[in-house]
Structures are given as structure tokens and as C-alpha cells.
């Protein structure tokens, strides 16, 4: 499971021209509820992360929190 970095997600959305979570949900096939949960600190499975990254034309690594030692 991975945690989305909200700042990184915002930058990726801006770069991709995706202005709302609803639009990201439409483009990625991920539910609006899932994206809302992620924005509130929830974790994401790899397939969901990959779908969001593909919709935003970025590498999934660009969206996740950095590992803590």
C-alpha cells in the first residue's frame, strides 16, 4: 500500500490540466470516493496508483510519499 503526497498530486494534476478530483476520477477510472479518501490520508493499492499516474501522464513514484527510515 502507498500513501499519496497531496502536494505532488496537485502538481501532477496542474501539469496534466486536470482541474478537479472528479475529472481525475473520470480519466483514471478511479471512483471519486477513492480519490477523496486518498486526499484525506488513506492508502492506495498499486493498480489504483498506476491508473491515476497514467491519467496524469506521470510516473507513479511522482505521486507517493517518500519512504521514511
Protein backbone atom coordinates (compact mmCIF):
# COMPACT_ATOMS: atom_id res chain seq x y z
CA UNK A 1 0.00 0.00 0.00
CA UNK A 2 1.13 3.50 -0.78
CA UNK A 3 0.27 6.95 0.50
CA UNK A 4 -0.34 9.77 -1.94
CA UNK A 5 1.52 13.04 -1.36
CA UNK A 6 -1.19 15.68 -1.77
CA UNK A 7 1.28 18.34 -2.90
CA UNK A 8 2.77 16.07 -5.55
CA UNK A 9 -0.70 15.06 -6.69
CA UNK A 10 -1.72 18.72 -7.03
CA UNK A 11 1.36 19.49 -9.14
CA UNK A 12 0.76 16.46 -11.36
CA UNK A 13 -2.88 17.45 -11.84
CA UNK A 14 -1.88 21.02 -12.70
CA UNK A 15 0.74 19.82 -15.19
CA UNK A 16 -1.81 17.49 -16.82
CA UNK A 17 -4.51 20.15 -16.99
CA UNK A 18 -6.79 18.19 -14.67
CA UNK A 19 -8.60 20.75 -12.53
CA UNK A 20 -10.78 18.64 -10.23
CA UNK A 21 -10.79 15.35 -8.39
CA UNK A 22 -13.95 14.47 -10.28
CA UNK A 23 -12.13 14.90 -13.59
CA UNK A 24 -9.21 12.81 -12.32
CA UNK A 25 -11.70 10.10 -11.37
CA UNK A 26 -13.21 10.16 -14.86
CA UNK A 27 -9.84 9.98 -16.59
CA UNK A 28 -8.37 7.30 -14.35
CA UNK A 29 -11.42 5.10 -13.78
CA UNK A 30 -10.93 5.51 -10.03
CA UNK A 31 -14.00 6.45 -8.03
CA UNK A 32 -14.42 9.97 -6.68
CA UNK A 33 -14.79 8.44 -3.20
CA UNK A 34 -11.41 6.72 -3.51
CA UNK A 35 -9.70 9.93 -4.58
CA UNK A 36 -11.36 11.78 -1.70
CA UNK A 37 -10.15 9.09 0.72
CA UNK A 38 -6.61 9.43 -0.65
CA UNK A 39 -6.72 13.19 -0.21
CA UNK A 40 -7.67 12.59 3.42
CA UNK A 41 -4.63 10.41 4.12
CA UNK A 42 -5.86 7.00 3.01
CA UNK A 43 -3.61 4.48 1.32
CA UNK A 44 -3.78 3.24 -2.25
CA UNK A 45 -3.05 -0.09 -3.92
CA UNK A 46 -0.61 -0.26 -6.81
CA UNK A 47 -3.21 -0.71 -9.60
CA UNK A 48 -5.07 2.39 -8.45
CA UNK A 49 -1.84 4.36 -8.19
CA UNK A 50 -0.87 3.26 -11.70
CA UNK A 51 -4.27 4.26 -13.14
CA UNK A 52 -4.02 7.71 -11.59
CA UNK A 53 -0.44 8.18 -12.80
CA UNK A 54 -1.38 7.09 -16.32
CA UNK A 55 -4.27 9.56 -16.38
CA UNK A 56 -1.86 12.31 -15.26
CA UNK A 57 0.88 11.20 -17.66
CA UNK A 58 3.44 10.77 -14.90
CA UNK A 59 5.40 8.07 -13.13
CA UNK A 60 3.58 6.60 -10.10
CA UNK A 61 6.67 7.36 -7.97
CA UNK A 62 5.98 11.06 -8.55
CA UNK A 63 2.72 10.79 -6.59
CA UNK A 64 3.67 8.92 -3.44
CA UNK A 65 5.08 9.96 -0.08
CA UNK A 66 8.79 9.45 0.28
CA UNK A 67 9.79 6.47 2.41
CA UNK A 68 10.72 7.28 5.98
CA UNK A 69 13.65 5.47 7.62
